[in-house]
């Protein structure tokens, strides 16, 4: 039973791949030159929208959350004390700049430790 479960989990992880920043870059940079309305239809309403001084539109998507990390210690793996605990803060900000006349995305940028996605094959 344990072997079957372990093999199933291994197969699932191999099929889905690991989420990386390079995978996220593939995902978002693929929007460069495409219609902004398609992007809005797929991504939904942005967190914020701004008209830039040159007239272009800046669409910003932000996500953030924190995760509590468990304490570990007092076991045979950590005989000298405790480790872990506290919380880890995850965030991702993605910006799309679009030309309002042609409705095309002119540039894409992102930053944050949670800007990750599985790479495209």
Foldseek 3Di string as FASTA:
>chain_A
DVVVVVVVVVVVCVVFDDWDLVQLCVVFVVQAFHALVVVCVVVPAAPDWDQDPVRKIKGKHKDKDKDWWDKDAPDPVHPPDIDGTDIDIWMKMKIWIAHPVVRGTHDIDMDIPPSIHGHDD
